[in-house]
N, C-alpha and C. Protein backbone atom coordinates (compact mmCIF):
# COMPACT_ATOMS: atom_id res chain seq x y z
N MET A 1 -17.64 23.83 -116.34
CA MET A 1 -18.88 23.91 -115.57
C MET A 1 -19.94 24.67 -116.38
N ASP A 2 -21.17 24.22 -116.30
CA ASP A 2 -22.27 24.87 -117.00
C ASP A 2 -22.41 26.32 -116.56
N MET A 3 -22.58 27.22 -117.53
CA MET A 3 -22.68 28.65 -117.21
C MET A 3 -23.85 28.93 -116.26
N GLU A 4 -24.90 28.10 -116.32
CA GLU A 4 -26.06 28.35 -115.49
C GLU A 4 -25.77 28.13 -114.00
N THR A 5 -24.69 27.38 -113.68
CA THR A 5 -24.39 27.12 -112.28
C THR A 5 -23.52 28.23 -111.69
N LYS A 6 -23.11 29.20 -112.51
CA LYS A 6 -22.28 30.29 -112.00
C LYS A 6 -23.14 31.29 -111.21
N THR A 7 -22.49 31.90 -110.23
CA THR A 7 -23.13 32.96 -109.48
C THR A 7 -22.47 34.28 -109.89
N GLN A 8 -22.90 35.35 -109.28
CA GLN A 8 -22.34 36.65 -109.62
C GLN A 8 -20.87 36.74 -109.21
N PRO A 9 -19.99 37.18 -110.11
CA PRO A 9 -18.59 37.38 -109.71
C PRO A 9 -18.49 38.47 -108.65
N ARG A 10 -17.51 38.34 -107.80
CA ARG A 10 -17.30 39.30 -106.72
C ARG A 10 -15.83 39.72 -106.75
N ASP A 11 -15.56 40.99 -106.47
CA ASP A 11 -14.19 41.47 -106.64
C ASP A 11 -13.67 42.34 -105.49
N VAL A 12 -14.35 42.32 -104.34
CA VAL A 12 -13.87 43.04 -103.17
C VAL A 12 -13.93 42.07 -101.98
N ILE A 13 -12.76 41.73 -101.44
CA ILE A 13 -12.67 40.79 -100.33
C ILE A 13 -12.26 41.54 -99.07
N VAL A 14 -13.05 41.40 -98.01
CA VAL A 14 -12.73 42.04 -96.73
C VAL A 14 -12.52 40.95 -95.70
N ILE A 15 -11.43 41.07 -94.94
CA ILE A 15 -11.02 40.02 -94.01
C ILE A 15 -10.79 40.62 -92.63
N GLY A 16 -11.29 39.94 -91.61
CA GLY A 16 -11.07 40.37 -90.24
C GLY A 16 -10.54 39.23 -89.40
N GLY A 17 -9.59 39.54 -88.52
CA GLY A 17 -9.04 38.52 -87.65
C GLY A 17 -8.26 39.14 -86.52
N SER A 18 -7.80 38.29 -85.63
CA SER A 18 -7.01 38.75 -84.49
C SER A 18 -5.99 37.66 -84.19
N GLN A 19 -5.88 37.28 -82.93
CA GLN A 19 -4.87 36.28 -82.57
C GLN A 19 -5.09 34.98 -83.36
N GLY A 20 -4.03 34.49 -83.99
CA GLY A 20 -4.10 33.26 -84.77
C GLY A 20 -4.39 33.48 -86.25
N ALA A 21 -4.66 34.72 -86.65
CA ALA A 21 -5.01 34.98 -88.05
C ALA A 21 -3.79 35.15 -88.95
N PHE A 22 -2.64 35.52 -88.39
CA PHE A 22 -1.48 35.82 -89.23
C PHE A 22 -1.07 34.63 -90.09
N ASP A 23 -0.95 33.46 -89.49
CA ASP A 23 -0.51 32.29 -90.26
C ASP A 23 -1.51 31.93 -91.35
N VAL A 24 -2.79 32.12 -91.08
CA VAL A 24 -3.81 31.84 -92.09
C VAL A 24 -3.67 32.82 -93.25
N LEU A 25 -3.48 34.09 -92.94
CA LEU A 25 -3.28 35.10 -93.99
C LEU A 25 -2.04 34.80 -94.82
N ARG A 26 -0.97 34.43 -94.15
CA ARG A 26 0.28 34.13 -94.86
C ARG A 26 0.08 32.99 -95.86
N GLN A 27 -0.59 31.93 -95.41
CA GLN A 27 -0.83 30.79 -96.29
C GLN A 27 -1.74 31.19 -97.45
N MET A 28 -2.76 31.97 -97.16
CA MET A 28 -3.68 32.42 -98.21
C MET A 28 -2.94 33.24 -99.26
N LEU A 29 -2.11 34.19 -98.83
CA LEU A 29 -1.41 35.06 -99.77
C LEU A 29 -0.40 34.29 -100.62
N VAL A 30 0.21 33.27 -100.05
CA VAL A 30 1.12 32.43 -100.83
C VAL A 30 0.40 31.81 -102.02
N GLU A 31 -0.86 31.46 -101.83
CA GLU A 31 -1.60 30.71 -102.85
C GLU A 31 -2.36 31.57 -103.84
N LEU A 32 -2.58 32.85 -103.54
CA LEU A 32 -3.32 33.69 -104.49
C LEU A 32 -2.41 34.04 -105.67
N PRO A 33 -2.91 33.91 -106.90
CA PRO A 33 -2.07 34.12 -108.08
C PRO A 33 -1.87 35.61 -108.41
N SER A 34 -0.88 35.88 -109.23
CA SER A 34 -0.55 37.26 -109.59
C SER A 34 -1.66 37.95 -110.38
N ASP A 35 -2.52 37.16 -111.03
CA ASP A 35 -3.62 37.75 -111.81
C ASP A 35 -4.94 37.70 -111.03
N PHE A 36 -4.87 37.61 -109.71
CA PHE A 36 -6.08 37.54 -108.89
C PHE A 36 -6.92 38.80 -109.12
N PRO A 37 -8.16 38.64 -109.58
CA PRO A 37 -8.94 39.80 -110.04
C PRO A 37 -9.79 40.49 -108.98
N ALA A 38 -9.33 40.51 -107.75
CA ALA A 38 -10.10 41.16 -106.67
C ALA A 38 -9.16 41.93 -105.77
N ALA A 39 -9.71 42.97 -105.13
CA ALA A 39 -8.99 43.70 -104.09
C ALA A 39 -9.18 42.97 -102.77
N VAL A 40 -8.15 42.96 -101.93
CA VAL A 40 -8.21 42.31 -100.62
C VAL A 40 -7.90 43.36 -99.55
N LEU A 41 -8.85 43.58 -98.65
CA LEU A 41 -8.68 44.55 -97.56
C LEU A 41 -8.74 43.80 -96.24
N ILE A 42 -7.75 44.05 -95.37
CA ILE A 42 -7.57 43.23 -94.18
C ILE A 42 -7.50 44.09 -92.92
N VAL A 43 -8.25 43.67 -91.90
CA VAL A 43 -8.15 44.24 -90.56
C VAL A 43 -7.66 43.14 -89.63
N ILE A 44 -6.49 43.38 -89.03
CA ILE A 44 -5.99 42.52 -87.96
C ILE A 44 -5.93 43.38 -86.70
N HIS A 45 -6.55 42.94 -85.64
CA HIS A 45 -6.56 43.73 -84.40
C HIS A 45 -5.14 44.03 -83.96
N SER A 46 -4.91 45.27 -83.60
CA SER A 46 -3.60 45.70 -83.12
C SER A 46 -3.80 46.77 -82.06
N VAL A 47 -2.74 47.05 -81.35
CA VAL A 47 -2.79 48.11 -80.35
C VAL A 47 -2.03 49.31 -80.89
N PRO A 48 -2.29 50.51 -80.35
CA PRO A 48 -1.65 51.71 -80.90
C PRO A 48 -0.13 51.64 -80.97
N SER A 49 0.48 50.90 -80.04
CA SER A 49 1.95 50.85 -80.00
C SER A 49 2.53 49.80 -80.94
N THR A 50 1.67 49.07 -81.67
CA THR A 50 2.17 48.04 -82.57
C THR A 50 3.03 48.66 -83.67
N PRO A 51 4.25 48.15 -83.87
CA PRO A 51 5.05 48.66 -85.00
C PRO A 51 4.36 48.32 -86.32
N GLY A 52 4.48 49.21 -87.29
CA GLY A 52 3.81 48.99 -88.57
C GLY A 52 4.59 48.12 -89.52
N HIS A 53 4.85 46.86 -89.09
CA HIS A 53 5.66 45.96 -89.92
C HIS A 53 4.84 44.86 -90.58
N LEU A 54 3.57 44.73 -90.22
CA LEU A 54 2.79 43.59 -90.71
C LEU A 54 2.71 43.56 -92.23
N ALA A 55 2.51 44.72 -92.86
CA ALA A 55 2.40 44.74 -94.31
C ALA A 55 3.68 44.26 -94.98
N SER A 56 4.82 44.72 -94.50
CA SER A 56 6.09 44.31 -95.13
C SER A 56 6.35 42.82 -94.89
N ILE A 57 5.93 42.29 -93.75
CA ILE A 57 6.11 40.87 -93.49
C ILE A 57 5.23 40.04 -94.42
N LEU A 58 3.95 40.39 -94.53
CA LEU A 58 3.06 39.64 -95.41
C LEU A 58 3.45 39.79 -96.87
N ASP A 59 4.01 40.94 -97.22
CA ASP A 59 4.42 41.17 -98.61
C ASP A 59 5.46 40.15 -99.06
N ARG A 60 6.25 39.62 -98.15
CA ARG A 60 7.26 38.63 -98.49
C ARG A 60 6.65 37.32 -98.99
N TYR A 61 5.41 37.07 -98.61
CA TYR A 61 4.76 35.81 -98.95
C TYR A 61 3.80 35.93 -100.13
N SER A 62 3.66 37.12 -100.68
CA SER A 62 2.60 37.37 -101.66
C SER A 62 3.18 37.86 -102.98
N VAL A 63 2.63 37.34 -104.08
CA VAL A 63 2.97 37.91 -105.39
C VAL A 63 2.14 39.16 -105.66
N LEU A 64 1.07 39.35 -104.89
CA LEU A 64 0.29 40.57 -104.97
C LEU A 64 0.94 41.63 -104.10
N PRO A 65 0.94 42.90 -104.51
CA PRO A 65 1.52 43.94 -103.66
C PRO A 65 0.70 44.11 -102.38
N VAL A 66 1.40 44.15 -101.25
CA VAL A 66 0.76 44.29 -99.94
C VAL A 66 1.24 45.59 -99.30
N GLY A 67 0.31 46.40 -98.81
CA GLY A 67 0.69 47.64 -98.14
C GLY A 67 -0.42 48.13 -97.24
N TYR A 68 -0.08 49.09 -96.39
CA TYR A 68 -1.12 49.71 -95.57
C TYR A 68 -1.97 50.63 -96.44
N GLY A 69 -3.28 50.58 -96.23
CA GLY A 69 -4.18 51.46 -96.96
C GLY A 69 -3.86 52.91 -96.66
N GLN A 70 -3.95 53.75 -97.69
CA GLN A 70 -3.70 55.18 -97.55
C GLN A 70 -5.00 55.95 -97.72
N ASP A 71 -5.20 56.96 -96.93
CA ASP A 71 -6.44 57.74 -97.02
C ASP A 71 -6.58 58.33 -98.42
N GLY A 72 -7.74 58.10 -99.05
CA GLY A 72 -7.99 58.60 -100.39
C GLY A 72 -7.50 57.71 -101.51
N GLU A 73 -6.94 56.57 -101.17
CA GLU A 73 -6.41 55.64 -102.17
C GLU A 73 -7.56 54.86 -102.83
N ALA A 74 -7.42 54.59 -104.12
CA ALA A 74 -8.43 53.80 -104.83
C ALA A 74 -8.29 52.32 -104.45
N VAL A 75 -9.40 51.62 -104.48
CA VAL A 75 -9.42 50.18 -104.23
C VAL A 75 -9.27 49.48 -105.58
N ARG A 76 -8.14 48.83 -105.78
CA ARG A 76 -7.84 48.23 -107.09
C ARG A 76 -7.72 46.71 -106.98
N PRO A 77 -8.17 46.00 -108.01
CA PRO A 77 -8.01 44.54 -108.00
C PRO A 77 -6.53 44.17 -108.03
N GLY A 78 -6.23 43.01 -107.46
CA GLY A 78 -4.85 42.53 -107.47
C GLY A 78 -3.96 43.21 -106.46
N ARG A 79 -4.54 43.88 -105.47
CA ARG A 79 -3.76 44.55 -104.42
C ARG A 79 -4.31 44.16 -103.06
N VAL A 80 -3.42 44.19 -102.06
CA VAL A 80 -3.80 43.85 -100.68
C VAL A 80 -3.57 45.07 -99.81
N TYR A 81 -4.61 45.49 -99.10
CA TYR A 81 -4.57 46.69 -98.25
C TYR A 81 -4.79 46.28 -96.80
N LEU A 82 -3.91 46.70 -95.92
CA LEU A 82 -4.06 46.43 -94.49
C LEU A 82 -4.43 47.69 -93.74
N ALA A 83 -5.19 47.51 -92.66
CA ALA A 83 -5.48 48.63 -91.76
C ALA A 83 -4.23 48.97 -90.97
N PRO A 84 -3.83 50.25 -90.93
CA PRO A 84 -2.70 50.63 -90.09
C PRO A 84 -3.06 50.48 -88.61
N PRO A 85 -2.06 50.35 -87.73
CA PRO A 85 -2.35 50.28 -86.30
C PRO A 85 -3.16 51.49 -85.84
N ASP A 86 -4.20 51.22 -85.05
CA ASP A 86 -5.02 52.25 -84.39
C ASP A 86 -5.83 53.11 -85.36
N ARG A 87 -6.06 52.64 -86.57
CA ARG A 87 -6.91 53.37 -87.52
C ARG A 87 -7.94 52.40 -88.09
N HIS A 88 -9.20 52.84 -88.17
CA HIS A 88 -10.21 52.06 -88.87
C HIS A 88 -9.97 52.16 -90.37
N LEU A 89 -9.96 51.03 -91.04
CA LEU A 89 -9.89 50.99 -92.50
C LEU A 89 -11.32 50.90 -93.01
N GLU A 90 -11.76 51.93 -93.73
CA GLU A 90 -13.15 52.02 -94.19
C GLU A 90 -13.17 52.31 -95.69
N ILE A 91 -14.34 52.15 -96.28
CA ILE A 91 -14.56 52.55 -97.67
C ILE A 91 -15.49 53.76 -97.65
N ALA A 92 -15.02 54.87 -98.21
CA ALA A 92 -15.83 56.08 -98.29
C ALA A 92 -16.92 55.91 -99.35
N PRO A 93 -17.99 56.71 -99.31
CA PRO A 93 -19.04 56.61 -100.33
C PRO A 93 -18.53 56.78 -101.75
N THR A 94 -17.38 57.44 -101.91
CA THR A 94 -16.78 57.61 -103.24
C THR A 94 -16.12 56.33 -103.74
N GLY A 95 -16.00 55.33 -102.87
CA GLY A 95 -15.32 54.09 -103.24
C GLY A 95 -13.84 54.11 -102.93
N LEU A 96 -13.34 55.19 -102.33
CA LEU A 96 -11.94 55.29 -101.97
C LEU A 96 -11.72 54.86 -100.52
N ILE A 97 -10.50 54.51 -100.20
CA ILE A 97 -10.16 54.12 -98.83
C ILE A 97 -10.21 55.36 -97.92
N HIS A 98 -10.76 55.14 -96.73
CA HIS A 98 -10.79 56.19 -95.71
C HIS A 98 -10.23 55.62 -94.42
N LEU A 99 -9.26 56.31 -93.84
CA LEU A 99 -8.72 55.93 -92.54
C LEU A 99 -9.35 56.80 -91.47
N SER A 100 -9.89 56.18 -90.44
CA SER A 100 -10.65 56.91 -89.43
C SER A 100 -10.04 56.74 -88.05
N ASP A 101 -10.07 57.84 -87.29
CA ASP A 101 -9.69 57.81 -85.88
C ASP A 101 -10.91 57.69 -84.99
N GLY A 102 -12.03 57.28 -85.55
CA GLY A 102 -13.28 57.19 -84.80
C GLY A 102 -13.18 56.25 -83.63
N PRO A 103 -14.20 56.24 -82.78
CA PRO A 103 -14.15 55.43 -81.56
C PRO A 103 -14.00 53.94 -81.86
N LYS A 104 -13.47 53.24 -80.88
CA LYS A 104 -13.34 51.79 -81.02
C LYS A 104 -14.70 51.15 -81.20
N VAL A 105 -14.73 50.07 -81.94
CA VAL A 105 -15.95 49.30 -82.17
C VAL A 105 -15.73 47.93 -81.55
N ARG A 106 -16.57 47.58 -80.58
CA ARG A 106 -16.39 46.33 -79.84
C ARG A 106 -14.95 46.20 -79.34
N TYR A 107 -14.47 47.26 -78.76
CA TYR A 107 -13.16 47.36 -78.11
C TYR A 107 -11.99 47.33 -79.09
N ALA A 108 -12.25 47.47 -80.39
CA ALA A 108 -11.17 47.35 -81.37
C ALA A 108 -11.09 48.57 -82.30
N ARG A 109 -9.88 49.01 -82.54
CA ARG A 109 -9.59 49.96 -83.60
C ARG A 109 -8.19 49.64 -84.10
N PRO A 110 -8.07 49.07 -85.30
CA PRO A 110 -9.10 48.92 -86.33
C PRO A 110 -10.10 47.81 -85.99
N ALA A 111 -11.29 47.92 -86.54
CA ALA A 111 -12.34 46.93 -86.34
C ALA A 111 -12.81 46.38 -87.68
N ALA A 112 -12.97 45.06 -87.72
CA ALA A 112 -13.49 44.42 -88.93
C ALA A 112 -14.90 44.91 -89.26
N ASP A 113 -15.71 45.14 -88.22
CA ASP A 113 -17.08 45.59 -88.47
C ASP A 113 -17.13 46.86 -89.31
N ARG A 114 -16.24 47.82 -89.04
CA ARG A 114 -16.25 49.07 -89.81
C ARG A 114 -15.87 48.82 -91.27
N LEU A 115 -14.87 48.00 -91.50
CA LEU A 115 -14.49 47.68 -92.88
C LEU A 115 -15.61 46.95 -93.59
N PHE A 116 -16.15 45.92 -92.96
CA PHE A 116 -17.19 45.11 -93.61
C PHE A 116 -18.42 45.96 -93.94
N GLU A 117 -18.86 46.73 -92.94
CA GLU A 117 -20.08 47.52 -93.11
C GLU A 117 -19.92 48.55 -94.22
N THR A 118 -18.82 49.29 -94.21
CA THR A 118 -18.66 50.35 -95.22
C THR A 118 -18.44 49.75 -96.61
N ALA A 119 -17.75 48.63 -96.69
CA ALA A 119 -17.56 47.97 -97.99
C ALA A 119 -18.90 47.51 -98.56
N ALA A 120 -19.74 46.95 -97.71
CA ALA A 120 -21.05 46.49 -98.16
C ALA A 120 -21.93 47.65 -98.62
N GLN A 121 -21.84 48.77 -97.91
CA GLN A 121 -22.64 49.93 -98.28
C GLN A 121 -22.24 50.48 -99.64
N VAL A 122 -20.96 50.39 -99.97
CA VAL A 122 -20.48 50.96 -101.24
C VAL A 122 -20.50 49.94 -102.37
N PHE A 123 -20.04 48.72 -102.10
CA PHE A 123 -19.86 47.73 -103.18
C PHE A 123 -20.94 46.66 -103.21
N GLY A 124 -21.81 46.60 -102.21
CA GLY A 124 -22.96 45.70 -102.23
C GLY A 124 -22.60 44.25 -102.45
N SER A 125 -23.23 43.63 -103.44
CA SER A 125 -23.09 42.19 -103.67
C SER A 125 -21.72 41.79 -104.20
N ARG A 126 -20.87 42.76 -104.49
CA ARG A 126 -19.52 42.44 -104.97
C ARG A 126 -18.60 41.99 -103.84
N VAL A 127 -19.06 42.11 -102.58
CA VAL A 127 -18.19 41.89 -101.42
C VAL A 127 -18.22 40.44 -100.94
N ILE A 128 -17.04 39.95 -100.59
CA ILE A 128 -16.89 38.68 -99.86
C ILE A 128 -16.26 39.03 -98.52
N SER A 129 -16.90 38.66 -97.42
CA SER A 129 -16.30 38.87 -96.10
C SER A 129 -15.76 37.54 -95.58
N VAL A 130 -14.64 37.63 -94.86
CA VAL A 130 -14.00 36.45 -94.28
C VAL A 130 -13.63 36.75 -92.84
N ILE A 131 -14.11 35.93 -91.91
CA ILE A 131 -13.76 36.08 -90.50
C ILE A 131 -12.81 34.95 -90.12
N LEU A 132 -11.64 35.35 -89.60
CA LEU A 132 -10.60 34.40 -89.23
C LEU A 132 -10.50 34.28 -87.71
N SER A 133 -9.54 33.50 -87.28
CA SER A 133 -9.25 33.28 -85.86
C SER A 133 -9.14 34.59 -85.09
N GLY A 134 -9.66 34.58 -83.87
CA GLY A 134 -9.56 35.76 -83.02
C GLY A 134 -10.55 35.70 -81.88
N GLY A 135 -10.31 36.54 -80.88
CA GLY A 135 -11.19 36.59 -79.72
C GLY A 135 -12.31 37.60 -79.90
N ASP A 136 -13.34 37.47 -79.06
CA ASP A 136 -14.47 38.40 -79.04
C ASP A 136 -15.38 38.18 -80.26
N CYS A 137 -16.12 39.22 -80.67
CA CYS A 137 -17.17 39.05 -81.68
C CYS A 137 -17.06 40.02 -82.84
N ASP A 138 -15.94 40.74 -82.96
CA ASP A 138 -15.80 41.69 -84.06
C ASP A 138 -15.97 40.97 -85.39
N GLY A 139 -16.66 41.62 -86.31
CA GLY A 139 -16.87 41.06 -87.64
C GLY A 139 -18.25 40.50 -87.88
N THR A 140 -18.90 40.03 -86.83
CA THR A 140 -20.21 39.40 -87.01
C THR A 140 -21.25 40.39 -87.53
N TYR A 141 -21.33 41.56 -86.92
CA TYR A 141 -22.29 42.57 -87.39
C TYR A 141 -22.00 42.94 -88.84
N GLY A 142 -20.75 43.20 -89.15
CA GLY A 142 -20.39 43.58 -90.51
C GLY A 142 -20.66 42.49 -91.52
N ALA A 143 -20.43 41.24 -91.12
CA ALA A 143 -20.71 40.12 -92.02
C ALA A 143 -22.21 40.03 -92.31
N ASN A 144 -23.03 40.34 -91.32
CA ASN A 144 -24.48 40.38 -91.54
C ASN A 144 -24.84 41.46 -92.55
N VAL A 145 -24.18 42.62 -92.46
CA VAL A 145 -24.44 43.70 -93.42
C VAL A 145 -24.05 43.26 -94.82
N VAL A 146 -22.91 42.56 -94.93
CA VAL A 146 -22.47 42.04 -96.24
C VAL A 146 -23.52 41.08 -96.80
N SER A 147 -23.99 40.18 -95.97
CA SER A 147 -24.99 39.20 -96.43
C SER A 147 -26.28 39.88 -96.88
N VAL A 148 -26.76 40.85 -96.10
CA VAL A 148 -27.99 41.56 -96.45
C VAL A 148 -27.83 42.31 -97.78
N ALA A 149 -26.61 42.79 -98.04
CA ALA A 149 -26.35 43.52 -99.29
C ALA A 149 -26.19 42.59 -100.49
N GLY A 150 -26.29 41.29 -100.26
CA GLY A 150 -26.16 40.33 -101.35
C GLY A 150 -24.76 39.78 -101.53
N GLY A 151 -23.86 40.16 -100.60
CA GLY A 151 -22.49 39.65 -100.67
C GLY A 151 -22.40 38.25 -100.08
N LEU A 152 -21.17 37.75 -100.02
CA LEU A 152 -20.90 36.39 -99.57
C LEU A 152 -20.14 36.44 -98.25
N SER A 153 -20.60 35.68 -97.27
CA SER A 153 -19.97 35.65 -95.95
C SER A 153 -19.31 34.29 -95.74
N LEU A 154 -17.99 34.31 -95.46
CA LEU A 154 -17.23 33.10 -95.19
C LEU A 154 -16.62 33.19 -93.80
N VAL A 155 -16.45 32.04 -93.16
CA VAL A 155 -15.90 32.00 -91.81
C VAL A 155 -14.91 30.84 -91.73
N GLN A 156 -13.78 31.08 -91.05
CA GLN A 156 -12.83 30.00 -90.82
C GLN A 156 -13.45 28.94 -89.92
N GLU A 157 -13.18 27.68 -90.21
CA GLU A 157 -13.64 26.58 -89.38
C GLU A 157 -13.11 26.77 -87.95
N PRO A 158 -14.02 26.89 -86.95
CA PRO A 158 -13.56 27.17 -85.59
C PRO A 158 -12.59 26.13 -85.04
N ARG A 159 -12.78 24.86 -85.37
CA ARG A 159 -11.88 23.82 -84.86
C ARG A 159 -10.47 23.97 -85.42
N ASP A 160 -10.36 24.76 -86.49
CA ASP A 160 -9.09 24.99 -87.18
C ASP A 160 -8.45 26.30 -86.72
N ALA A 161 -9.14 27.06 -85.87
CA ALA A 161 -8.67 28.39 -85.46
C ALA A 161 -7.94 28.31 -84.13
N LEU A 162 -6.84 29.05 -84.01
CA LEU A 162 -6.10 29.10 -82.76
C LEU A 162 -6.99 29.66 -81.65
N VAL A 163 -7.74 30.72 -81.97
CA VAL A 163 -8.71 31.31 -81.04
C VAL A 163 -10.06 31.34 -81.76
N PRO A 164 -11.01 30.48 -81.40
CA PRO A 164 -12.21 30.30 -82.20
C PRO A 164 -13.36 31.27 -81.94
N SER A 165 -13.20 32.25 -81.03
CA SER A 165 -14.33 33.08 -80.63
C SER A 165 -14.95 33.84 -81.80
N MET A 166 -14.14 34.53 -82.61
CA MET A 166 -14.69 35.30 -83.73
C MET A 166 -15.42 34.40 -84.72
N PRO A 167 -14.81 33.28 -85.17
CA PRO A 167 -15.56 32.40 -86.08
C PRO A 167 -16.84 31.83 -85.45
N LEU A 168 -16.76 31.38 -84.20
CA LEU A 168 -17.94 30.81 -83.56
C LEU A 168 -19.07 31.83 -83.46
N HIS A 169 -18.75 33.05 -83.06
CA HIS A 169 -19.78 34.07 -82.92
C HIS A 169 -20.43 34.36 -84.27
N ALA A 170 -19.62 34.39 -85.33
CA ALA A 170 -20.17 34.65 -86.66
C ALA A 170 -21.08 33.52 -87.11
N ILE A 171 -20.70 32.28 -86.84
CA ILE A 171 -21.53 31.14 -87.25
C ILE A 171 -22.86 31.17 -86.50
N GLN A 172 -22.82 31.52 -85.24
CA GLN A 172 -24.03 31.53 -84.43
C GLN A 172 -24.97 32.69 -84.76
N ASN A 173 -24.41 33.77 -85.30
CA ASN A 173 -25.22 34.98 -85.48
C ASN A 173 -25.29 35.52 -86.90
N ASP A 174 -24.60 34.90 -87.83
CA ASP A 174 -24.59 35.42 -89.20
C ASP A 174 -25.07 34.41 -90.24
N HIS A 175 -24.98 33.12 -89.95
CA HIS A 175 -25.33 32.08 -90.90
C HIS A 175 -24.55 32.26 -92.20
N PRO A 176 -23.21 32.09 -92.14
CA PRO A 176 -22.38 32.32 -93.32
C PRO A 176 -22.68 31.35 -94.45
N ALA A 177 -22.27 31.75 -95.65
CA ALA A 177 -22.48 30.90 -96.83
C ALA A 177 -21.63 29.65 -96.75
N ALA A 178 -20.45 29.75 -96.12
CA ALA A 178 -19.57 28.59 -96.00
C ALA A 178 -18.65 28.75 -94.81
N VAL A 179 -18.34 27.62 -94.17
CA VAL A 179 -17.34 27.53 -93.12
C VAL A 179 -16.16 26.78 -93.73
N VAL A 180 -14.98 27.41 -93.73
CA VAL A 180 -13.87 26.95 -94.56
C VAL A 180 -12.65 26.65 -93.72
N ASN A 181 -12.01 25.51 -93.97
CA ASN A 181 -10.73 25.20 -93.34
C ASN A 181 -9.68 26.18 -93.81
N SER A 182 -8.73 26.53 -92.95
CA SER A 182 -7.73 27.53 -93.30
C SER A 182 -6.94 27.17 -94.54
N THR A 183 -6.72 25.88 -94.77
CA THR A 183 -5.93 25.46 -95.94
C THR A 183 -6.70 25.63 -97.25
N ALA A 184 -8.01 25.85 -97.17
CA ALA A 184 -8.83 25.96 -98.38
C ALA A 184 -9.30 27.37 -98.67
N ILE A 185 -8.92 28.36 -97.83
CA ILE A 185 -9.47 29.70 -98.00
C ILE A 185 -9.11 30.30 -99.35
N ALA A 186 -7.85 30.20 -99.76
CA ALA A 186 -7.45 30.77 -101.05
C ALA A 186 -8.23 30.14 -102.20
N LYS A 187 -8.38 28.83 -102.17
CA LYS A 187 -9.12 28.12 -103.23
C LYS A 187 -10.56 28.57 -103.28
N VAL A 188 -11.19 28.70 -102.11
CA VAL A 188 -12.60 29.13 -102.06
C VAL A 188 -12.73 30.57 -102.58
N LEU A 189 -11.79 31.43 -102.21
CA LEU A 189 -11.84 32.81 -102.71
C LEU A 189 -11.69 32.85 -104.23
N MET A 190 -10.81 32.04 -104.78
CA MET A 190 -10.64 32.02 -106.24
C MET A 190 -11.91 31.55 -106.93
N GLN A 191 -12.59 30.57 -106.33
CA GLN A 191 -13.88 30.11 -106.89
C GLN A 191 -14.91 31.23 -106.83
N ALA A 192 -14.97 31.91 -105.69
CA ALA A 192 -16.00 32.94 -105.50
C ALA A 192 -15.80 34.12 -106.45
N VAL A 193 -14.55 34.56 -106.63
CA VAL A 193 -14.34 35.71 -107.52
C VAL A 193 -14.58 35.33 -108.98
N ALA A 194 -14.50 34.04 -109.27
CA ALA A 194 -14.79 33.57 -110.63
C ALA A 194 -16.28 33.36 -110.85
N GLY A 195 -17.07 33.54 -109.79
CA GLY A 195 -18.51 33.36 -109.93
C GLY A 195 -18.96 31.93 -109.77
N LEU A 196 -18.07 31.07 -109.25
CA LEU A 196 -18.43 29.67 -109.06
C LEU A 196 -18.97 29.46 -107.64
N PRO A 197 -19.86 28.49 -107.45
CA PRO A 197 -20.40 28.23 -106.11
C PRO A 197 -19.30 27.81 -105.15
N VAL A 198 -19.47 28.14 -103.86
CA VAL A 198 -18.48 27.74 -102.84
C VAL A 198 -19.12 26.78 -101.86
């Protein structure tokens, strides 16, 4: 491809989802290669009593290391960080992971909006946000912040989502760069981190 058609490479991916997002994440992680040059940070809505097994389950499907984000941990390419149950996964101004017990955002803790917003504030145009299947409207505000900062906003195709509320709300209120079928999310992310149009 002609170099002039390339866009800015991006290396921080933030993902938000709820009911119906697990299978999409599993498929995406299966397809991402071991040399994937971006960090992936994920918020899946959970309740305080949720056992902390999601990271170990997703790790079985990924060649990239998957774990719960730790407070003060660096954000490194080629790693997948999940929000622990009942903690907001945020990016501190220093660029390190921050876990917060702050109030729920749109009835959720962890909330995609907090991850998206803080990532955009710190990493700006390097961020790609992805909103997956789920109920309510979490993620839309944060995706708008990502877009304003020059980042890229992607949304799962609502007809492809088990629960389409989160994707639909984002499409209606964020004007994402692309609406992507679940089977193509990994491919689109690989294009985006390489600086290719999506």
